[in-house]
Every structure is written in C-alpha cells, then in structure tokens.
C-alpha cells in the first residue's frame, strides 16, 4: 500500500488496475480546473492564502499520481486572464506563490524527470517572474517523464485570437495561402501545439462550467466534475476519476 500526501491509502491492486486502464484506453492527457481553494479555506476558517498553498500540495500529489499511473501529460489551470479582476493583494500573492513554488520545487521536479511548460500570455507578467518560468522550461526541456503544463494568464478565447493573428500574419506575408488553412493549421498555432489534446477534463469544486479553458482542445474530451475541493483532491480521487473515464464510451461524434 502507498500513502499519499493526505495520509489516505491506495492499494497496490488499485494502482495496478489504474495502470492497466491507462494503457488499454490510451489515456495520455488529463487537464484539470483546480477550483475550490478559497472555498476550502473558508470552510476550514482559514485565510484564502492558505487554501492556495494547500492547492500547491495537491498539484504535487497529482503529478506524482500521474507518474505512478502512467499518464504522460497533465495540464492545470492556475491563473486565468479573468483572474486579474480579483483583489490586487490576492493577485500579487498568486504571482509570488507561483514564482516561489517553481524556485523551491524545480530541483526536485527536475530530478523526478518532470518536463515543465507554461501556456498563456507570459509577456504580461513581471520580468523577474518571466525569468523564473522560462528558466524552469529550459532546465527541464530534455526530461522524459510527466509533462506538466501550467496555464497561467491563460484564456482559451485569447489563445484562439493569438493563433488567428499568427495565421493571418503568415497569409499576409505570403508564407501561407488561405485555401491551405485546416484544423491542423490552427492546432499548430495554439499554445499547446506540441502536446496531444486532453482525453479527460476534471473540474474540482462542483461548478458545472469550463471557464474559458482549452475550448479548442477539449472538443472530444470526457468531462468529469467532482464536488471535492482542489486542496482535498488526492491520489485516490484521481484514480476514481480514471475509473469513471474507463466507464465512458468515447464516440468522437460518431
């Protein structure tokens, strides 16, 4: 038996079952809307900042679980383009939390063979934070383990507009003809151009919406909403989500 960070146990039999399911279903990519940090903190009479810190612990648990289960790609929604509308002190805290977390965890993540990438408009972040993020990408780019994509200052509509502008620029310069534009052309100009589309989208916290997240990429993903708040989402919860995924029949529009 293996103990996760929350002290709950997952049996070897269950781990083996999940490994088998991941292989049989070709489950490569899980995307997560990490919702519920603030509500979890409020429920436990704690400041919101503590909820966000516990959310970091939950992300570390999810990364380890993906590695144990054989899931190659994990993409998490950390900060949306709409999150700038929150109180300045919370925004500043989240920026600081990301920078410190990457700095503090980079060596361990690198030693665990994790590949780190960021999707979103990083140019709007302060230069020091940009340097920290780009350094993490550079340090881990040759690793071969779990690929972690952190969506930060990300919005799917913004991503699609960015892609369309890039394509339009190529058409204008004569590099591309309008008639040659396909779905693959759009995919190649998204932030996620080098990774497969998500097979499973998990939203914690119980809200029934996708919140401008990976709108193009989740066209055929299975959606799973759990009432569990993100700080409480552990290895068992991820295993249960994969079991639910296994029970779905993916039709791809057929």
Protein backbone atom coordinates (compact mmCIF):
# COMPACT_ATOMS: atom_id res chain seq x y z
CA UNK A 1 0.00 0.00 0.00
CA UNK A 2 1.12 3.55 -0.73
CA UNK A 3 0.35 6.61 1.34
CA UNK A 4 -0.35 9.89 -0.43
CA UNK A 5 0.23 13.37 0.98
CA UNK A 6 -3.17 13.48 2.68
CA UNK A 7 -2.47 10.32 4.64
CA UNK A 8 -5.04 8.22 2.78
CA UNK A 9 -4.05 4.87 1.40
CA UNK A 10 -4.28 3.43 -2.07
CA UNK A 11 -3.75 -0.29 -2.54
CA UNK A 12 -1.26 -1.81 -4.94
CA UNK A 13 -4.15 -3.65 -6.60
CA UNK A 14 -5.93 -0.38 -7.32
CA UNK A 15 -2.72 1.18 -8.63
CA UNK A 16 -2.19 -1.81 -10.93
CA UNK A 17 -5.80 -1.55 -12.12
CA UNK A 18 -5.35 2.13 -12.99
CA UNK A 19 -2.09 1.41 -14.81
CA UNK A 20 -3.89 -1.20 -16.89
CA UNK A 21 -6.78 1.17 -17.69
CA UNK A 22 -4.45 3.97 -18.74
CA UNK A 23 -2.66 1.62 -21.11
CA UNK A 24 -5.82 -0.01 -22.50
CA UNK A 25 -7.65 3.29 -23.08
CA UNK A 26 -4.56 5.13 -24.32
CA UNK A 27 -5.19 7.84 -21.71
CA UNK A 28 -2.36 10.26 -22.37
CA UNK A 29 -3.53 13.65 -21.18
CA UNK A 30 -5.51 14.84 -18.16
CA UNK A 31 -6.46 18.50 -17.85
CA UNK A 32 -7.65 19.96 -14.55
CA UNK A 33 -9.53 23.08 -13.49
CA UNK A 34 -8.15 23.40 -9.97
CA UNK A 35 -11.16 25.03 -8.34
CA UNK A 36 -12.14 25.39 -4.69
CA UNK A 37 -9.01 26.65 -2.91
CA UNK A 38 -10.75 29.68 -1.41
CA UNK A 39 -13.95 27.80 -0.54
CA UNK A 40 -11.91 25.07 1.15
CA UNK A 41 -10.09 27.71 3.19
CA UNK A 42 -13.35 29.42 4.17
CA UNK A 43 -14.88 26.09 5.17
CA UNK A 44 -11.91 25.48 7.45
CA UNK A 45 -11.87 29.05 8.85
CA UNK A 46 -8.53 29.76 7.22
CA UNK A 47 -7.31 32.66 5.06
CA UNK A 48 -7.56 32.26 1.29
CA UNK A 49 -3.77 32.25 1.02
CA UNK A 50 -3.62 29.02 2.99
CA UNK A 51 -6.07 27.43 0.56
CA UNK A 52 -3.85 28.35 -2.37
CA UNK A 53 -0.80 26.90 -0.60
CA UNK A 54 -2.69 23.65 0.03
CA UNK A 55 -3.57 23.72 -3.64
CA UNK A 56 0.15 23.56 -4.45
CA UNK A 57 0.42 20.43 -2.31
CA UNK A 58 -2.50 18.91 -4.21
CA UNK A 59 -0.76 19.64 -7.50
CA UNK A 60 2.39 17.87 -6.30
CA UNK A 61 0.22 14.89 -5.36
CA UNK A 62 -1.42 14.90 -8.80
CA UNK A 63 1.94 14.98 -10.55
CA UNK A 64 3.21 12.01 -8.56
CA UNK A 65 -0.04 10.13 -9.18
CA UNK A 66 0.16 10.72 -12.94
CA UNK A 67 3.69 9.36 -12.90
CA UNK A 68 2.59 6.30 -10.90
CA UNK A 69 -0.40 5.72 -13.19
CA UNK A 70 1.47 6.17 -16.47
CA UNK A 71 -0.32 9.38 -17.55
CA UNK A 72 2.14 11.35 -19.68
CA UNK A 73 0.55 14.81 -19.76
CA UNK A 74 -1.02 16.90 -17.00
CA UNK A 75 -2.30 20.42 -17.72
CA UNK A 76 -3.60 22.58 -14.88
CA UNK A 77 -5.47 25.89 -14.86
CA UNK A 78 -3.57 28.07 -12.39
CA UNK A 79 -4.43 31.67 -13.33
CA UNK A 80 -6.88 32.83 -15.98
CA UNK A 81 -6.93 36.07 -17.95
CA UNK A 82 -10.06 36.92 -15.95
CA UNK A 83 -8.31 36.42 -12.60
CA UNK A 84 -6.72 39.86 -12.94
CA UNK A 85 -10.12 41.16 -11.79
CA UNK A 86 -9.56 39.75 -8.29
CA UNK A 87 -8.32 41.95 -5.46
CA UNK A 88 -4.79 43.22 -6.04
CA UNK A 89 -3.45 41.63 -2.87
CA UNK A 90 -4.68 38.19 -3.98
CA UNK A 91 -3.28 38.62 -7.50
CA UNK A 92 0.08 39.70 -6.06
CA UNK A 93 0.05 36.70 -3.72
CA UNK A 94 -0.66 34.27 -6.58
CA UNK A 95 2.17 35.74 -8.66
CA UNK A 96 4.54 35.43 -5.72
CA UNK A 97 3.32 31.91 -4.93
CA UNK A 98 3.99 30.72 -8.48
CA UNK A 99 7.49 32.18 -8.52
CA UNK A 100 8.46 30.78 -5.12
CA UNK A 101 6.92 27.38 -5.83
CA UNK A 102 8.84 26.99 -9.09
CA UNK A 103 12.08 28.10 -7.44
CA UNK A 104 11.62 25.84 -4.42
CA UNK A 105 10.42 22.76 -6.33
CA UNK A 106 12.46 22.97 -9.55
CA UNK A 107 15.40 20.84 -8.39
CA UNK A 108 13.13 18.05 -7.15
CA UNK A 109 10.91 18.18 -10.23
CA UNK A 110 13.98 18.04 -12.46
CA UNK A 111 15.36 15.06 -10.53
CA UNK A 112 11.96 13.37 -10.96
CA UNK A 113 12.27 13.81 -14.74
CA UNK A 114 9.29 16.21 -14.99
CA UNK A 115 9.02 18.42 -18.08
CA UNK A 116 7.66 21.88 -17.20
CA UNK A 117 5.89 24.14 -19.68
CA UNK A 118 3.63 27.17 -19.38
CA UNK A 119 0.73 28.08 -21.62
CA UNK A 120 -0.72 31.58 -21.70
CA UNK A 121 0.46 35.12 -22.33
CA UNK A 122 3.54 35.25 -20.11
CA UNK A 123 4.66 38.58 -21.58
CA UNK A 124 2.17 40.36 -19.30
CA UNK A 125 3.91 39.02 -16.17
CA UNK A 126 6.68 40.95 -14.45
CA UNK A 127 10.18 40.34 -15.89
CA UNK A 128 11.52 38.59 -12.77
CA UNK A 129 8.67 36.07 -12.80
CA UNK A 130 9.08 35.52 -16.53
CA UNK A 131 12.76 34.74 -15.97
CA UNK A 132 11.89 32.15 -13.29
CA UNK A 133 9.33 30.45 -15.55
CA UNK A 134 11.48 30.40 -18.68
CA UNK A 135 14.39 29.03 -16.65
CA UNK A 136 12.22 26.13 -15.44
CA UNK A 137 11.26 25.34 -19.04
CA UNK A 138 14.90 25.43 -20.14
CA UNK A 139 16.17 23.30 -17.25
CA UNK A 140 13.59 20.53 -17.77
CA UNK A 141 13.18 20.56 -21.56
CA UNK A 142 15.16 17.36 -22.12
CA UNK A 143 13.42 15.34 -19.41
CA UNK A 144 11.26 12.39 -20.41
CA UNK A 145 8.81 11.97 -17.54
CA UNK A 146 5.42 13.58 -16.86
CA UNK A 147 4.81 16.69 -18.94
CA UNK A 148 3.33 19.40 -16.70
CA UNK A 149 1.66 22.32 -18.47
CA UNK A 150 0.72 25.20 -16.17
CA UNK A 151 -1.88 27.50 -17.70
CA UNK A 152 -1.03 30.93 -16.32
CA UNK A 153 -2.52 34.19 -17.57
CA UNK A 154 -4.39 31.85 -19.87
CA UNK A 155 -7.76 32.19 -21.56
CA UNK A 156 -8.93 29.95 -24.40
CA UNK A 157 -10.52 32.79 -26.37
CA UNK A 158 -7.32 34.80 -26.02
CA UNK A 159 -5.34 31.75 -27.18
CA UNK A 160 -7.54 31.33 -30.27
CA UNK A 161 -7.24 35.04 -31.13
CA UNK A 162 -3.47 34.73 -30.76
CA UNK A 163 -3.49 31.74 -33.12
CA UNK A 164 -5.65 33.52 -35.70
CA UNK A 165 -3.37 36.56 -35.66
CA UNK A 166 -0.37 34.32 -36.22
CA UNK A 167 -2.07 32.59 -39.16
CA UNK A 168 -3.24 35.91 -40.63
CA UNK A 169 0.31 37.25 -40.43
CA UNK A 170 1.59 34.24 -42.39
CA UNK A 171 -1.10 34.72 -45.04
CA UNK A 172 -0.29 38.41 -45.32
CA UNK A 173 3.41 37.71 -45.78
CA UNK A 174 2.72 35.11 -48.48
CA UNK A 175 4.04 32.29 -46.32
CA UNK A 176 0.63 30.58 -46.45
CA UNK A 177 -2.42 30.53 -48.73
CA UNK A 178 -5.91 30.89 -47.22
CA UNK A 179 -7.02 27.74 -49.04
CA UNK A 180 -4.38 25.69 -47.21
CA UNK A 181 -5.67 26.55 -43.71
CA UNK A 182 -7.01 23.48 -41.88
CA UNK A 183 -7.77 22.42 -38.33
CA UNK A 184 -4.16 21.29 -38.10
CA UNK A 185 -3.07 24.82 -39.00
CA UNK A 186 -4.96 26.19 -36.02
CA UNK A 187 -3.58 23.48 -33.73
CA UNK A 188 -0.04 24.32 -34.79
CA UNK A 189 -0.53 27.92 -33.69
CA UNK A 190 -2.02 27.25 -30.25
CA UNK A 191 0.00 27.37 -27.03
CA UNK A 192 -0.48 23.58 -26.80
CA UNK A 193 0.89 22.84 -30.27
CA UNK A 194 3.37 20.21 -29.08
CA UNK A 195 1.06 18.11 -26.89
CA UNK A 196 -1.97 15.89 -27.58
CA UNK A 197 -5.48 17.11 -26.79
CA UNK A 198 -6.83 16.20 -23.34
CA UNK A 199 -8.61 12.88 -23.03
CA UNK A 200 -10.13 13.76 -19.66
CA UNK A 201 -11.02 17.15 -18.18
CA UNK A 202 -11.55 17.20 -14.43
CA UNK A 203 -13.08 20.16 -12.62
CA UNK A 204 -12.94 20.16 -8.83
CA UNK A 205 -15.24 22.21 -6.61
CA UNK A 206 -18.54 21.24 -8.22
CA UNK A 207 -19.09 24.11 -10.68
CA UNK A 208 -20.61 23.00 -13.99
CA UNK A 209 -18.68 25.11 -16.49
CA UNK A 210 -15.36 25.08 -18.36
CA UNK A 211 -14.43 28.71 -17.60
CA UNK A 212 -12.70 29.59 -20.89
CA UNK A 213 -10.25 26.70 -20.56
CA UNK A 214 -8.82 24.79 -23.53
CA UNK A 215 -12.00 25.34 -25.56
CA UNK A 216 -10.46 24.12 -28.82
CA UNK A 217 -8.56 21.22 -27.27
CA UNK A 218 -11.38 19.64 -25.23
CA UNK A 219 -13.69 19.10 -28.21
CA UNK A 220 -13.74 15.33 -27.59
CA UNK A 221 -12.52 15.15 -24.00
CA UNK A 222 -14.58 13.38 -21.38
CA UNK A 223 -15.73 15.85 -18.71
CA UNK A 224 -15.83 14.98 -15.04
CA UNK A 225 -16.97 17.37 -12.30
CA UNK A 226 -16.38 16.50 -8.66
CA UNK A 227 -17.62 18.36 -5.59
CA UNK A 228 -14.26 17.73 -3.93
CA UNK A 229 -12.34 20.98 -3.48
CA UNK A 230 -8.90 21.04 -5.09
CA UNK A 231 -6.87 21.00 -1.81
CA UNK A 232 -8.60 17.70 -0.96
CA UNK A 233 -8.13 16.12 -4.40
CA UNK A 234 -5.71 13.27 -3.72
CA UNK A 235 -4.32 10.18 -5.44
CA UNK A 236 -7.45 8.17 -4.68
CA UNK A 237 -9.61 10.90 -6.21
CA UNK A 238 -7.55 10.85 -9.39
CA UNK A 239 -7.75 7.06 -9.51
CA UNK A 240 -11.54 7.25 -9.16
CA UNK A 241 -11.69 9.81 -11.98
CA UNK A 242 -9.74 7.46 -14.23
CA UNK A 243 -12.09 4.60 -13.31
CA UNK A 244 -15.03 6.80 -14.31
CA UNK A 245 -13.24 7.67 -17.57
CA UNK A 246 -12.92 3.93 -18.24
CA UNK A 247 -16.69 3.55 -17.91
CA UNK A 248 -17.38 6.17 -20.58
CA UNK A 249 -17.83 5.28 -24.24
CA UNK A 250 -15.93 7.77 -26.36
CA UNK A 251 -17.74 8.30 -29.67
CA UNK A 252 -15.85 11.26 -31.20
CA UNK A 253 -19.10 12.45 -32.77
CA UNK A 254 -19.99 9.07 -34.31
